[in-house]
Amino acid sequence: MSSYQSLARNARGYGDDFINQAMVTAARIGMPVDWLLAIIALETSDFAATGPPWGGRNPLDHGAGIIGFTGVDGGAWEQMTPVQQLDLLPNYFIRLTTPLEISTFRSPIEAYFMVRGPWALLMAPGDTGVGGQIDWGGTRGKQNATRQDVVNIATRIFTEHGLTWTLPTVGMEGLWLVRIGSWLGQFVVLDN
């Protein structure tokens, strides 16, 4: 059993039913269950947030629940348990991944950006606008988080809990429809 599964098993309002349903949900989304649990742990302070009702909303987007659902999504999640909220995730991810033509995630960090802000996948490392400010303390004080700040923080948190992953050995991989003059075809870049 992974560290994240142990955390969920022992957390009030989660437990074995949550882990079992998370396995089904992760398979439907197309990611390892530990990646999904890592994202949920990050959004719930290691499964400390529970409901219904869900309190402790993020002051920036008023998000709460297992992935920081916001009030603009209809709010049905507000009266659901963590296990019930898992049923919302496949449609949530499909709604975000389809326009970006994402069929697989290469890391839990990429998957986390579906929750944090999908537009961050298209940003440069130094770009800001991926979730408010970070209080760095000292002379730096509060500053807007860059995309790389979020990557570094999530990577640190995930690896501290024993999560590992292997990134592709090439800079790009995927499939693109391409038109060159009258020729229409596909370019495919694979990680060998």
C-alpha atoms as a PDB file:
ATOM      1  CA  MET A   1       0.000   0.000   0.000  1.00  0.00           C
ATOM      2  CA  SER A   2       1.364   3.390  -0.979  1.00  0.00           C
ATOM      3  CA  SER A   3       1.865   6.325   1.339  1.00  0.00           C
ATOM      4  CA  TYR A   4      -1.130   8.107  -0.214  1.00  0.00           C
ATOM      5  CA  GLN A   5      -3.350   5.065   0.173  1.00  0.00           C
ATOM      6  CA  SER A   6      -2.334   4.814   3.840  1.00  0.00           C
ATOM      7  CA  LEU A   7      -3.108   8.494   4.386  1.00  0.00           C
ATOM      8  CA  ALA A   8      -6.547   8.111   2.793  1.00  0.00           C
ATOM      9  CA  ARG A   9      -7.311   4.876   4.635  1.00  0.00           C
ATOM     10  CA  ASN A  10      -6.651   6.504   8.004  1.00  0.00           C
ATOM     11  CA  ALA A  11      -8.374   9.836   7.293  1.00  0.00           C
ATOM     12  CA  ARG A  12     -11.824  10.564   8.660  1.00  0.00           C
ATOM     13  CA  GLY A  13     -14.376  10.594   5.832  1.00  0.00           C
ATOM     14  CA  TYR A  14     -12.194   8.688   3.352  1.00  0.00           C
ATOM     15  CA  GLY A  15     -11.163   5.086   4.156  1.00  0.00           C
ATOM     16  CA  ASP A  16     -11.198   1.873   2.122  1.00  0.00           C
ATOM     17  CA  ASP A  17     -14.353   2.707   0.139  1.00  0.00           C
ATOM     18  CA  PHE A  18     -12.679   5.898  -1.027  1.00  0.00           C
ATOM     19  CA  ILE A  19      -9.489   4.064  -2.048  1.00  0.00           C
ATOM     20  CA  ASN A  20     -11.463   1.401  -3.951  1.00  0.00           C
ATOM     21  CA  GLN A  21     -13.512   4.016  -5.792  1.00  0.00           C
ATOM     22  CA  ALA A  22     -10.361   6.059  -6.474  1.00  0.00           C
ATOM     23  CA  MET A  23      -8.882   3.019  -8.250  1.00  0.00           C
ATOM     24  CA  VAL A  24     -11.918   2.830 -10.545  1.00  0.00           C
ATOM     25  CA  THR A  25     -11.927   6.588 -11.128  1.00  0.00           C
ATOM     26  CA  ALA A  26      -8.190   6.747 -11.871  1.00  0.00           C
ATOM     27  CA  ALA A  27      -8.575   3.986 -14.460  1.00  0.00           C
ATOM     28  CA  ARG A  28     -11.423   5.900 -16.137  1.00  0.00           C
ATOM     29  CA  ILE A  29      -9.336   9.079 -16.206  1.00  0.00           C
ATOM     30  CA  GLY A  30      -6.252   7.233 -17.444  1.00  0.00           C
ATOM     31  CA  MET A  31      -3.746   7.790 -14.679  1.00  0.00           C
ATOM     32  CA  PRO A  32      -2.220   5.714 -11.879  1.00  0.00           C
ATOM     33  CA  VAL A  33      -4.311   5.752  -8.720  1.00  0.00           C
ATOM     34  CA  ASP A  34      -1.404   7.133  -6.681  1.00  0.00           C
ATOM     35  CA  TRP A  35      -1.221  10.167  -8.969  1.00  0.00           C
ATOM     36  CA  LEU A  36      -4.919  10.845  -8.414  1.00  0.00           C
ATOM     37  CA  LEU A  37      -4.556  10.344  -4.661  1.00  0.00           C
ATOM     38  CA  ALA A  38      -1.517  12.666  -4.623  1.00  0.00           C
ATOM     39  CA  ILE A  39      -3.534  15.410  -6.311  1.00  0.00           C
ATOM     40  CA  ILE A  40      -6.423  14.941  -3.893  1.00  0.00           C
ATOM     41  CA  ALA A  41      -4.033  14.892  -0.914  1.00  0.00           C
ATOM     42  CA  LEU A  42      -2.461  18.148  -2.091  1.00  0.00           C
ATOM     43  CA  GLU A  43      -5.882  19.796  -2.464  1.00  0.00           C
ATOM     44  CA  THR A  44      -7.224  18.511   0.887  1.00  0.00           C
ATOM     45  CA  SER A  45      -4.113  18.964   3.071  1.00  0.00           C
ATOM     46  CA  ASP A  46      -3.402  15.222   3.186  1.00  0.00           C
ATOM     47  CA  PHE A  47      -7.092  14.262   3.343  1.00  0.00           C
ATOM     48  CA  ALA A  48      -7.784  16.544   6.328  1.00  0.00           C
ATOM     49  CA  ALA A  49     -10.569  18.456   4.538  1.00  0.00           C
ATOM     50  CA  THR A  50     -13.838  16.578   4.484  1.00  0.00           C
ATOM     51  CA  GLY A  51     -17.522  17.155   4.083  1.00  0.00           C
ATOM     52  CA  PRO A  52     -20.367  17.674   3.608  1.00  0.00           C
ATOM     53  CA  PRO A  53     -20.565  20.491   4.222  1.00  0.00           C
ATOM     54  CA  TRP A  54     -17.192  21.550   2.857  1.00  0.00           C
ATOM     55  CA  GLY A  55     -15.537  24.434   4.670  1.00  0.00           C
ATOM     56  CA  GLY A  56     -12.117  26.008   4.438  1.00  0.00           C
ATOM     57  CA  ARG A  57     -12.555  27.392   0.959  1.00  0.00           C
ATOM     58  CA  ASN A  58      -9.604  28.746  -0.986  1.00  0.00           C
ATOM     59  CA  PRO A  59      -9.885  32.550  -0.697  1.00  0.00           C
ATOM     60  CA  LEU A  60      -8.792  33.059  -4.338  1.00  0.00           C
ATOM     61  CA  ASP A  61     -11.290  30.884  -6.221  1.00  0.00           C
ATOM     62  CA  HIS A  62     -13.554  29.733  -3.357  1.00  0.00           C
ATOM     63  CA  GLY A  63     -12.645  26.141  -4.194  1.00  0.00           C
ATOM     64  CA  ALA A  64     -13.067  23.213  -1.847  1.00  0.00           C
ATOM     65  CA  GLY A  65     -13.776  19.516  -2.010  1.00  0.00           C
ATOM     66  CA  ILE A  66     -11.393  16.798  -3.091  1.00  0.00           C
ATOM     67  CA  ILE A  67      -9.943  18.750  -6.039  1.00  0.00           C
ATOM     68  CA  GLY A  68     -10.833  22.306  -5.118  1.00  0.00           C
ATOM     69  CA  PHE A  69     -14.124  22.464  -7.000  1.00  0.00           C
ATOM     70  CA  THR A  70     -15.318  26.043  -7.332  1.00  0.00           C
ATOM     71  CA  GLY A  71     -18.772  27.530  -6.912  1.00  0.00           C
ATOM     72  CA  VAL A  72     -18.965  28.287 -10.643  1.00  0.00           C
ATOM     73  CA  ASP A  73     -19.353  24.586 -11.462  1.00  0.00           C
ATOM     74  CA  GLY A  74     -22.885  24.347 -10.088  1.00  0.00           C
ATOM     75  CA  GLY A  75     -21.952  23.370  -6.552  1.00  0.00           C
ATOM     76  CA  ALA A  76     -23.453  19.856  -6.493  1.00  0.00           C
ATOM     77  CA  TRP A  77     -20.191  18.636  -4.934  1.00  0.00           C
ATOM     78  CA  GLU A  78     -20.804  20.751  -1.811  1.00  0.00           C
ATOM     79  CA  GLN A  79     -23.248  18.219  -0.358  1.00  0.00           C
ATOM     80  CA  MET A  80     -21.283  15.133  -1.429  1.00  0.00           C
ATOM     81  CA  THR A  81     -18.903  12.943   0.515  1.00  0.00           C
ATOM     82  CA  PRO A  82     -15.353  12.417  -0.779  1.00  0.00           C
ATOM     83  CA  VAL A  83     -16.403   9.021  -2.221  1.00  0.00           C
ATOM     84  CA  GLN A  84     -19.352  10.603  -4.049  1.00  0.00           C
ATOM     85  CA  GLN A  85     -17.162  13.405  -5.427  1.00  0.00           C
ATOM     86  CA  LEU A  86     -14.930  10.828  -7.133  1.00  0.00           C
ATOM     87  CA  ASP A  87     -17.837  10.151  -9.516  1.00  0.00           C
ATOM     88  CA  LEU A  88     -17.544  13.748 -10.767  1.00  0.00           C
ATOM     89  CA  LEU A  89     -13.887  13.463 -11.757  1.00  0.00           C
ATOM     90  CA  PRO A  90     -14.055  11.541 -15.073  1.00  0.00           C
ATOM     91  CA  ASN A  91     -16.357  14.147 -16.654  1.00  0.00           C
ATOM     92  CA  TYR A  92     -14.356  16.953 -15.030  1.00  0.00           C
ATOM     93  CA  PHE A  93     -11.095  15.713 -16.555  1.00  0.00           C
ATOM     94  CA  ILE A  94     -12.682  14.907 -19.944  1.00  0.00           C
ATOM     95  CA  ARG A  95     -14.093  18.434 -20.135  1.00  0.00           C
ATOM     96  CA  LEU A  96     -10.588  19.859 -19.637  1.00  0.00           C
ATOM     97  CA  THR A  97      -8.442  17.353 -21.531  1.00  0.00           C
ATOM     98  CA  THR A  98     -10.569  17.085 -24.686  1.00  0.00           C
ATOM     99  CA  PRO A  99     -10.023  20.663 -25.940  1.00  0.00           C
ATOM    100  CA  LEU A 100      -6.290  20.322 -25.216  1.00  0.00           C
ATOM    101  CA  GLU A 101      -6.245  16.915 -26.950  1.00  0.00           C
ATOM    102  CA  ILE A 102      -4.603  15.266 -23.943  1.00  0.00           C
ATOM    103  CA  SER A 103      -4.995  11.498 -23.958  1.00  0.00           C
ATOM    104  CA  THR A 104      -2.378  10.608 -21.361  1.00  0.00           C
ATOM    105  CA  PHE A 105      -0.437  12.284 -18.601  1.00  0.00           C
ATOM    106  CA  ARG A 106       3.340  11.926 -18.456  1.00  0.00           C
ATOM    107  CA  SER A 107       3.609  12.861 -14.783  1.00  0.00           C
ATOM    108  CA  PRO A 108       1.441  13.601 -11.762  1.00  0.00           C
ATOM    109  CA  ILE A 109       2.511  17.245 -12.185  1.00  0.00           C
ATOM    110  CA  GLU A 110       0.846  17.416 -15.625  1.00  0.00           C
ATOM    111  CA  ALA A 111      -2.256  15.805 -14.159  1.00  0.00           C
ATOM    112  CA  TYR A 112      -2.199  18.266 -11.239  1.00  0.00           C
ATOM    113  CA  PHE A 113      -2.322  21.196 -13.661  1.00  0.00           C
ATOM    114  CA  MET A 114      -5.779  19.951 -14.765  1.00  0.00           C
ATOM    115  CA  VAL A 115      -6.883  20.849 -11.241  1.00  0.00           C
ATOM    116  CA  ARG A 116      -4.673  23.877 -10.608  1.00  0.00           C
ATOM    117  CA  GLY A 117      -5.170  25.501 -14.021  1.00  0.00           C
ATOM    118  CA  PRO A 118      -4.924  23.663 -17.361  1.00  0.00           C
ATOM    119  CA  TRP A 119      -3.599  26.759 -19.137  1.00  0.00           C
ATOM    120  CA  ALA A 120      -0.372  26.336 -17.139  1.00  0.00           C
ATOM    121  CA  LEU A 121       0.572  23.399 -19.380  1.00  0.00           C
ATOM    122  CA  LEU A 122       1.051  25.929 -22.171  1.00  0.00           C
ATOM    123  CA  MET A 123       3.007  28.449 -20.099  1.00  0.00           C
ATOM    124  CA  ALA A 124       6.746  29.048 -19.907  1.00  0.00           C
ATOM    125  CA  PRO A 125       8.441  28.233 -16.571  1.00  0.00           C
ATOM    126  CA  GLY A 126       8.676  31.902 -15.501  1.00  0.00           C
ATOM    127  CA  ASP A 127       5.098  32.820 -16.408  1.00  0.00           C
ATOM    128  CA  THR A 128       2.819  33.801 -13.521  1.00  0.00           C
ATOM    129  CA  GLY A 129      -0.900  33.374 -13.105  1.00  0.00           C
ATOM    130  CA  VAL A 130      -1.187  29.782 -11.933  1.00  0.00           C
ATOM    131  CA  GLY A 131      -2.805  30.216  -8.583  1.00  0.00           C
ATOM    132  CA  GLY A 132      -2.185  33.323  -6.575  1.00  0.00           C
ATOM    133  CA  GLN A 133       0.720  34.331  -4.432  1.00  0.00           C
ATOM    134  CA  ILE A 134       3.214  32.397  -2.361  1.00  0.00           C
ATOM    135  CA  ASP A 135       4.535  33.802   0.896  1.00  0.00           C
ATOM    136  CA  TRP A 136       8.255  33.113   0.653  1.00  0.00           C
ATOM    137  CA  GLY A 137       8.995  34.952   3.897  1.00  0.00           C
ATOM    138  CA  GLY A 138      12.059  37.075   4.531  1.00  0.00           C
ATOM    139  CA  THR A 139      12.915  39.782   2.042  1.00  0.00           C
ATOM    140  CA  ARG A 140      10.982  38.141  -0.818  1.00  0.00           C
ATOM    141  CA  GLY A 141       7.629  38.304   0.969  1.00  0.00           C
ATOM    142  CA  LYS A 142       4.542  37.464  -1.071  1.00  0.00           C
ATOM    143  CA  GLN A 143       5.041  37.084  -4.806  1.00  0.00           C
ATOM    144  CA  ASN A 144       2.939  35.720  -7.644  1.00  0.00           C
ATOM    145  CA  ALA A 145       3.600  32.029  -8.192  1.00  0.00           C
ATOM    146  CA  THR A 146       5.290  31.138 -11.446  1.00  0.00           C
ATOM    147  CA  ARG A 147       4.550  27.945 -13.311  1.00  0.00           C
ATOM    148  CA  GLN A 148       7.939  26.617 -12.200  1.00  0.00           C
ATOM    149  CA  ASP A 149       7.168  27.499  -8.553  1.00  0.00           C
ATOM    150  CA  VAL A 150       4.073  25.301  -8.744  1.00  0.00           C
ATOM    151  CA  VAL A 151       6.044  22.483 -10.423  1.00  0.00           C
ATOM    152  CA  ASN A 152       8.740  22.681  -7.732  1.00  0.00           C
ATOM    153  CA  ILE A 153       6.277  22.752  -4.833  1.00  0.00           C
ATOM    154  CA  ALA A 154       4.154  19.875  -6.167  1.00  0.00           C
ATOM    155  CA  THR A 155       7.258  17.834  -7.019  1.00  0.00           C
ATOM    156  CA  ARG A 156       8.630  18.328  -3.494  1.00  0.00           C
ATOM    157  CA  ILE A 157       5.333  17.377  -1.858  1.00  0.00           C
ATOM    158  CA  PHE A 158       4.771  14.344  -4.098  1.00  0.00           C
ATOM    159  CA  THR A 159       8.305  13.001  -3.671  1.00  0.00           C
ATOM    160  CA  GLU A 160       8.221  13.559   0.106  1.00  0.00           C
ATOM    161  CA  HIS A 161       5.307  11.109   0.129  1.00  0.00           C
ATOM    162  CA  GLY A 162       7.283   8.563  -1.899  1.00  0.00           C
ATOM    163  CA  LEU A 163       5.645   9.163  -5.277  1.00  0.00           C
ATOM    164  CA  THR A 164       7.976   8.600  -8.223  1.00  0.00           C
ATOM    165  CA  TRP A 165       7.579   8.906 -11.963  1.00  0.00           C
ATOM    166  CA  THR A 166       9.710   8.795 -15.077  1.00  0.00           C
ATOM    167  CA  LEU A 167       9.517  11.585 -17.615  1.00  0.00           C
ATOM    168  CA  PRO A 168       9.899  10.828 -21.322  1.00  0.00           C
ATOM    169  CA  THR A 169      13.417  10.850 -22.707  1.00  0.00           C
ATOM    170  CA  VAL A 170      12.404  13.150 -25.579  1.00  0.00           C
ATOM    171  CA  GLY A 171      11.269  16.754 -25.403  1.00  0.00           C
ATOM    172  CA  MET A 172       7.967  16.117 -27.163  1.00  0.00           C
ATOM    173  CA  GLU A 173       5.838  13.115 -27.790  1.00  0.00           C
ATOM    174  CA  GLY A 174       2.411  12.809 -29.315  1.00  0.00           C
ATOM    175  CA  LEU A 175       0.447  12.853 -32.532  1.00  0.00           C
ATOM    176  CA  TRP A 176      -0.457  15.897 -34.637  1.00  0.00           C
ATOM    177  CA  LEU A 177      -2.607  16.329 -37.718  1.00  0.00           C
ATOM    178  CA  VAL A 178      -0.572  18.365 -40.189  1.00  0.00           C
ATOM    179  CA  ARG A 179      -1.314  20.053 -43.514  1.00  0.00           C
ATOM    180  CA  ILE A 180       1.606  20.961 -45.767  1.00  0.00           C
ATOM    181  CA  GLY A 181       0.309  22.372 -49.030  1.00  0.00           C
ATOM    182  CA  SER A 182      -2.225  19.874 -50.336  1.00  0.00           C
ATOM    183  CA  TRP A 183      -0.806  17.034 -48.199  1.00  0.00           C
ATOM    184  CA  LEU A 184      -2.762  16.152 -45.043  1.00  0.00           C
ATOM    185  CA  GLY A 185      -1.203  13.630 -42.708  1.00  0.00           C
ATOM    186  CA  GLN A 186      -0.009  12.907 -39.208  1.00  0.00           C
ATOM    187  CA  PHE A 187       3.277  13.569 -37.474  1.00  0.00           C
ATOM    188  CA  VAL A 188       4.022  11.167 -34.645  1.00  0.00           C
ATOM    189  CA  VAL A 189       6.832  11.585 -32.131  1.00  0.00           C
ATOM    190  CA  LEU A 190       7.351   8.571 -29.888  1.00  0.00           C
ATOM    191  CA  ASP A 191       9.530   7.975 -26.868  1.00  0.00           C
ATOM    192  CA  ASN A 192      11.641   4.912 -27.691  1.00  0.00           C
END
